[in-house]
Amino acid sequence: MCASHRPVESPAAEGPPAVEPGPPDGPPATALDHVGLSVRDLDAALSFYRDAFGLVEEFRFTVDGARMTAVVLRSEDGWAVELLHRSDSVDPVVRYARPDEAVRNRGYGHLCVRVQDLETVFERLLAAGATVIVPPGPAPHPAVRYSYMADPEGNLLELVHFGAGADLAAPA
């Protein structure tokens, strides 16, 4: 069960925070809130995502029956990463290092983060311990630049910058 909904009151509250109900006639979904990553080393993952993206710990909780600890880190812009740790977690059978190969595994492929300055964020991730997969360069869409990296556990991360005039409806 995922519990990282935006809190109504104090972000320092223990456990899952309360959420405000939406209007009954509103859209069924309003935004992607977070991505959950199962990690081998919770402390190392916390350090990486805090240092790399400037995320702040919103709250943490444990699920004793599942022997799981979770920590939700959130950006100033509102997106979040939920780091999930179980001491008995296992590595995937096959982990592909490149984004074009990762789609061979069904399910999670990569986490994409929109950035203002691709090169600066790229360097920040390198300093935090990321590995370069695809260096910054032009994307298939006009006025878009991107890069792929892997976090210290091998999870693929895409950085994307939409320049002036970027048209995602244009053919690639």
C-alpha atoms as a PDB file:
ATOM      1  CA  MET A   1       0.000   0.000   0.000  1.00  0.00           C
ATOM      2  CA  CYS A   2       1.366   3.370  -1.001  1.00  0.00           C
ATOM      3  CA  ALA A   3       1.039   6.139   1.516  1.00  0.00           C
ATOM      4  CA  SER A   4       2.767   9.233   0.182  1.00  0.00           C
ATOM      5  CA  HIS A   5      -0.175  11.527  -0.395  1.00  0.00           C
ATOM      6  CA  ARG A   6       0.466  15.194   0.142  1.00  0.00           C
ATOM      7  CA  PRO A   7      -0.170  16.088   3.801  1.00  0.00           C
ATOM      8  CA  VAL A   8      -2.851  18.567   4.782  1.00  0.00           C
ATOM      9  CA  GLU A   9      -1.096  19.688   7.947  1.00  0.00           C
ATOM     10  CA  SER A  10       2.474  19.231   9.135  1.00  0.00           C
ATOM     11  CA  PRO A  11       4.887  17.425   6.780  1.00  0.00           C
ATOM     12  CA  ALA A  12       6.724  16.192   9.884  1.00  0.00           C
ATOM     13  CA  ALA A  13       3.760  14.029  10.942  1.00  0.00           C
ATOM     14  CA  GLU A  14       4.498  10.372  11.659  1.00  0.00           C
ATOM     15  CA  GLY A  15       2.930   7.812   9.360  1.00  0.00           C
ATOM     16  CA  PRO A  16       0.733   8.400   6.350  1.00  0.00           C
ATOM     17  CA  PRO A  17      -0.621  11.970   6.309  1.00  0.00           C
ATOM     18  CA  ALA A  18      -4.246  12.898   5.791  1.00  0.00           C
ATOM     19  CA  VAL A  19      -5.368  13.893   2.309  1.00  0.00           C
ATOM     20  CA  GLU A  20      -7.938  16.396   1.146  1.00  0.00           C
ATOM     21  CA  PRO A  21     -10.790  14.867  -0.843  1.00  0.00           C
ATOM     22  CA  GLY A  22     -11.213  16.186  -4.376  1.00  0.00           C
ATOM     23  CA  PRO A  23     -14.434  17.453  -5.898  1.00  0.00           C
ATOM     24  CA  PRO A  24     -16.865  14.618  -6.725  1.00  0.00           C
ATOM     25  CA  ASP A  25     -17.179  15.761 -10.360  1.00  0.00           C
ATOM     26  CA  GLY A  26     -13.426  16.341 -10.887  1.00  0.00           C
ATOM     27  CA  PRO A  27     -11.075  14.286 -13.033  1.00  0.00           C
ATOM     28  CA  PRO A  28     -10.258  10.784 -11.769  1.00  0.00           C
ATOM     29  CA  ALA A  29      -6.532  11.603 -11.653  1.00  0.00           C
ATOM     30  CA  THR A  30      -4.928  15.025 -11.405  1.00  0.00           C
ATOM     31  CA  ALA A  31      -1.161  14.375 -11.408  1.00  0.00           C
ATOM     32  CA  LEU A  32       1.486  11.741 -10.943  1.00  0.00           C
ATOM     33  CA  ASP A  33       2.469  12.037  -7.290  1.00  0.00           C
ATOM     34  CA  HIS A  34       5.474   9.759  -6.901  1.00  0.00           C
ATOM     35  CA  VAL A  35       7.468   6.782  -8.075  1.00  0.00           C
ATOM     36  CA  GLY A  36       8.298   3.985  -5.637  1.00  0.00           C
ATOM     37  CA  LEU A  37      11.715   2.338  -5.862  1.00  0.00           C
ATOM     38  CA  SER A  38      12.659  -0.819  -3.986  1.00  0.00           C
ATOM     39  CA  VAL A  39      16.249  -0.324  -2.831  1.00  0.00           C
ATOM     40  CA  ARG A  40      18.971  -2.568  -1.408  1.00  0.00           C
ATOM     41  CA  ASP A  41      20.667   0.146   0.705  1.00  0.00           C
ATOM     42  CA  LEU A  42      18.190   2.667   2.105  1.00  0.00           C
ATOM     43  CA  ASP A  43      20.793   5.036   3.574  1.00  0.00           C
ATOM     44  CA  ALA A  44      22.782   5.177   0.320  1.00  0.00           C
ATOM     45  CA  ALA A  45      19.605   5.735  -1.716  1.00  0.00           C
ATOM     46  CA  LEU A  46      18.485   8.519   0.650  1.00  0.00           C
ATOM     47  CA  SER A  47      21.844  10.254   0.289  1.00  0.00           C
ATOM     48  CA  PHE A  48      21.833   9.932  -3.496  1.00  0.00           C
ATOM     49  CA  TYR A  49      18.309  11.304  -4.087  1.00  0.00           C
ATOM     50  CA  ARG A  50      18.775  14.127  -1.560  1.00  0.00           C
ATOM     51  CA  ASP A  51      22.137  15.150  -3.031  1.00  0.00           C
ATOM     52  CA  ALA A  52      21.270  14.591  -6.691  1.00  0.00           C
ATOM     53  CA  PHE A  53      17.856  16.260  -6.813  1.00  0.00           C
ATOM     54  CA  GLY A  54      17.660  18.268  -3.583  1.00  0.00           C
ATOM     55  CA  LEU A  55      14.704  16.190  -2.383  1.00  0.00           C
ATOM     56  CA  VAL A  56      13.581  16.618   1.213  1.00  0.00           C
ATOM     57  CA  GLU A  57      12.351  13.827   3.454  1.00  0.00           C
ATOM     58  CA  GLU A  58       8.608  14.289   3.831  1.00  0.00           C
ATOM     59  CA  PHE A  59       7.934  11.320   6.088  1.00  0.00           C
ATOM     60  CA  ARG A  60       8.865   7.710   6.762  1.00  0.00           C
ATOM     61  CA  PHE A  61       6.919   4.717   7.941  1.00  0.00           C
ATOM     62  CA  THR A  62       7.306   1.013   8.568  1.00  0.00           C
ATOM     63  CA  VAL A  63       5.019  -1.884   7.787  1.00  0.00           C
ATOM     64  CA  ASP A  64       5.981  -4.444  10.412  1.00  0.00           C
ATOM     65  CA  GLY A  65       4.080  -7.342   8.833  1.00  0.00           C
ATOM     66  CA  ALA A  66       5.973  -6.814   5.585  1.00  0.00           C
ATOM     67  CA  ARG A  67       9.279  -5.995   7.338  1.00  0.00           C
ATOM     68  CA  MET A  68       9.408  -2.894   5.150  1.00  0.00           C
ATOM     69  CA  THR A  69      10.597   0.662   5.744  1.00  0.00           C
ATOM     70  CA  ALA A  70       9.583   3.445   3.375  1.00  0.00           C
ATOM     71  CA  VAL A  71      10.827   7.015   3.082  1.00  0.00           C
ATOM     72  CA  VAL A  72       9.108   9.619   0.920  1.00  0.00           C
ATOM     73  CA  LEU A  73      11.337  12.360  -0.503  1.00  0.00           C
ATOM     74  CA  ARG A  74       9.655  15.311  -2.213  1.00  0.00           C
ATOM     75  CA  SER A  75      10.864  18.145  -4.439  1.00  0.00           C
ATOM     76  CA  GLU A  76       9.943  21.808  -4.079  1.00  0.00           C
ATOM     77  CA  ASP A  77       7.842  21.353  -7.238  1.00  0.00           C
ATOM     78  CA  GLY A  78       5.826  18.544  -5.661  1.00  0.00           C
ATOM     79  CA  TRP A  79       7.081  15.357  -7.337  1.00  0.00           C
ATOM     80  CA  ALA A  80       8.339  12.594  -5.084  1.00  0.00           C
ATOM     81  CA  VAL A  81      10.332   9.391  -4.853  1.00  0.00           C
ATOM     82  CA  GLU A  82       9.287   6.762  -2.322  1.00  0.00           C
ATOM     83  CA  LEU A  83      12.239   4.584  -1.316  1.00  0.00           C
ATOM     84  CA  LEU A  84      11.113   1.144  -0.155  1.00  0.00           C
ATOM     85  CA  HIS A  85      13.443  -1.190   1.726  1.00  0.00           C
ATOM     86  CA  ARG A  86      13.107  -4.821   2.796  1.00  0.00           C
ATOM     87  CA  SER A  87      16.139  -6.720   4.045  1.00  0.00           C
ATOM     88  CA  ASP A  88      15.061  -9.763   2.008  1.00  0.00           C
ATOM     89  CA  SER A  89      14.550  -7.944  -1.307  1.00  0.00           C
ATOM     90  CA  VAL A  90      16.143  -9.489  -4.391  1.00  0.00           C
ATOM     91  CA  ASP A  91      17.697  -8.078  -7.542  1.00  0.00           C
ATOM     92  CA  PRO A  92      15.684  -8.424 -10.760  1.00  0.00           C
ATOM     93  CA  VAL A  93      16.520 -11.468 -12.857  1.00  0.00           C
ATOM     94  CA  VAL A  94      17.776  -9.199 -15.652  1.00  0.00           C
ATOM     95  CA  ARG A  95      18.587  -5.493 -15.314  1.00  0.00           C
ATOM     96  CA  TYR A  96      19.361  -3.791 -18.578  1.00  0.00           C
ATOM     97  CA  ALA A  97      21.815  -0.900 -18.520  1.00  0.00           C
ATOM     98  CA  ARG A  98      20.442   1.044 -21.513  1.00  0.00           C
ATOM     99  CA  PRO A  99      16.975   2.582 -21.885  1.00  0.00           C
ATOM    100  CA  ASP A 100      16.384   0.926 -25.271  1.00  0.00           C
ATOM    101  CA  GLU A 101      17.092  -2.479 -23.685  1.00  0.00           C
ATOM    102  CA  ALA A 102      15.175  -1.784 -20.443  1.00  0.00           C
ATOM    103  CA  VAL A 103      11.855  -1.989 -22.293  1.00  0.00           C
ATOM    104  CA  ARG A 104      12.511  -5.712 -22.662  1.00  0.00           C
ATOM    105  CA  ASN A 105      11.411  -5.984 -19.008  1.00  0.00           C
ATOM    106  CA  ARG A 106       7.717  -5.258 -18.542  1.00  0.00           C
ATOM    107  CA  GLY A 107       6.864  -2.756 -15.838  1.00  0.00           C
ATOM    108  CA  TYR A 108       9.100   0.027 -14.583  1.00  0.00           C
ATOM    109  CA  GLY A 109      11.582   1.244 -17.191  1.00  0.00           C
ATOM    110  CA  HIS A 110      12.956   4.556 -15.954  1.00  0.00           C
ATOM    111  CA  LEU A 111      12.211   7.678 -13.925  1.00  0.00           C
ATOM    112  CA  CYS A 112      12.208  10.886 -15.983  1.00  0.00           C
ATOM    113  CA  VAL A 113      12.762  14.273 -14.346  1.00  0.00           C
ATOM    114  CA  ARG A 114      12.157  17.557 -16.189  1.00  0.00           C
ATOM    115  CA  VAL A 115      14.993  20.021 -15.540  1.00  0.00           C
ATOM    116  CA  GLN A 116      15.713  23.699 -16.235  1.00  0.00           C
ATOM    117  CA  ASP A 117      19.444  23.266 -16.894  1.00  0.00           C
ATOM    118  CA  LEU A 118      20.365  19.825 -18.237  1.00  0.00           C
ATOM    119  CA  GLU A 119      24.141  20.134 -17.951  1.00  0.00           C
ATOM    120  CA  THR A 120      24.080  21.461 -14.376  1.00  0.00           C
ATOM    121  CA  VAL A 121      21.746  18.722 -13.133  1.00  0.00           C
ATOM    122  CA  PHE A 122      23.736  16.110 -15.085  1.00  0.00           C
ATOM    123  CA  GLU A 123      26.936  17.207 -13.287  1.00  0.00           C
ATOM    124  CA  ARG A 124      25.125  17.227  -9.934  1.00  0.00           C
ATOM    125  CA  LEU A 125      23.986  13.619 -10.449  1.00  0.00           C
ATOM    126  CA  LEU A 126      27.514  12.600 -11.448  1.00  0.00           C
ATOM    127  CA  ALA A 127      28.861  14.144  -8.241  1.00  0.00           C
ATOM    128  CA  ALA A 128      26.206  12.281  -6.228  1.00  0.00           C
ATOM    129  CA  GLY A 129      27.300   8.930  -7.683  1.00  0.00           C
ATOM    130  CA  ALA A 130      25.248   8.407 -10.854  1.00  0.00           C
ATOM    131  CA  THR A 131      26.670   6.568 -13.864  1.00  0.00           C
ATOM    132  CA  VAL A 132      26.405   8.014 -17.383  1.00  0.00           C
ATOM    133  CA  ILE A 133      24.354   5.930 -19.819  1.00  0.00           C
ATOM    134  CA  VAL A 134      23.624   8.547 -22.508  1.00  0.00           C
ATOM    135  CA  PRO A 135      25.382  11.934 -22.167  1.00  0.00           C
ATOM    136  CA  PRO A 136      23.385  15.143 -22.655  1.00  0.00           C
ATOM    137  CA  GLY A 137      22.336  15.632 -26.249  1.00  0.00           C
ATOM    138  CA  PRO A 138      19.428  16.327 -28.588  1.00  0.00           C
ATOM    139  CA  ALA A 139      16.282  14.211 -28.230  1.00  0.00           C
ATOM    140  CA  PRO A 140      14.212  12.975 -31.176  1.00  0.00           C
ATOM    141  CA  HIS A 141      11.791  15.905 -30.712  1.00  0.00           C
ATOM    142  CA  PRO A 142      12.794  19.431 -31.822  1.00  0.00           C
ATOM    143  CA  ALA A 143      14.084  21.762 -29.065  1.00  0.00           C
ATOM    144  CA  VAL A 144      14.298  18.925 -26.518  1.00  0.00           C
ATOM    145  CA  ARG A 145      17.550  17.732 -24.912  1.00  0.00           C
ATOM    146  CA  TYR A 146      17.952  14.718 -22.680  1.00  0.00           C
ATOM    147  CA  SER A 147      20.345  12.387 -20.887  1.00  0.00           C
ATOM    148  CA  TYR A 148      20.141   8.963 -19.273  1.00  0.00           C
ATOM    149  CA  MET A 149      21.983   7.991 -16.108  1.00  0.00           C
ATOM    150  CA  ALA A 150      21.758   5.194 -13.555  1.00  0.00           C
ATOM    151  CA  ASP A 151      21.508   5.721  -9.821  1.00  0.00           C
ATOM    152  CA  PRO A 152      23.955   3.790  -7.597  1.00  0.00           C
ATOM    153  CA  GLU A 153      21.615   0.759  -7.598  1.00  0.00           C
ATOM    154  CA  GLY A 154      21.288   0.729 -11.390  1.00  0.00           C
ATOM    155  CA  ASN A 155      17.823   2.314 -11.710  1.00  0.00           C
ATOM    156  CA  LEU A 156      17.593   4.267 -14.963  1.00  0.00           C
ATOM    157  CA  LEU A 157      17.032   8.022 -14.681  1.00  0.00           C
ATOM    158  CA  GLU A 158      16.225  10.309 -17.596  1.00  0.00           C
ATOM    159  CA  LEU A 159      16.825  14.050 -17.417  1.00  0.00           C
ATOM    160  CA  VAL A 160      14.875  16.077 -19.969  1.00  0.00           C
ATOM    161  CA  HIS A 161      14.892  19.776 -20.852  1.00  0.00           C
ATOM    162  CA  PHE A 162      12.175  21.287 -23.054  1.00  0.00           C
ATOM    163  CA  GLY A 163      13.614  24.323 -24.816  1.00  0.00           C
ATOM    164  CA  ALA A 164      11.702  27.239 -26.306  1.00  0.00           C
ATOM    165  CA  GLY A 165       9.471  25.998 -29.094  1.00  0.00           C
ATOM    166  CA  ALA A 166       9.578  22.352 -28.006  1.00  0.00           C
ATOM    167  CA  ASP A 167       6.652  20.621 -29.695  1.00  0.00           C
ATOM    168  CA  LEU A 168       6.031  17.125 -28.420  1.00  0.00           C
ATOM    169  CA  ALA A 169       3.264  16.655 -30.977  1.00  0.00           C
ATOM    170  CA  ALA A 170       5.789  17.038 -33.818  1.00  0.00           C
ATOM    171  CA  PRO A 171       6.944  13.795 -35.409  1.00  0.00           C
ATOM    172  CA  ALA A 172      10.263  12.520 -34.122  1.00  0.00           C
END
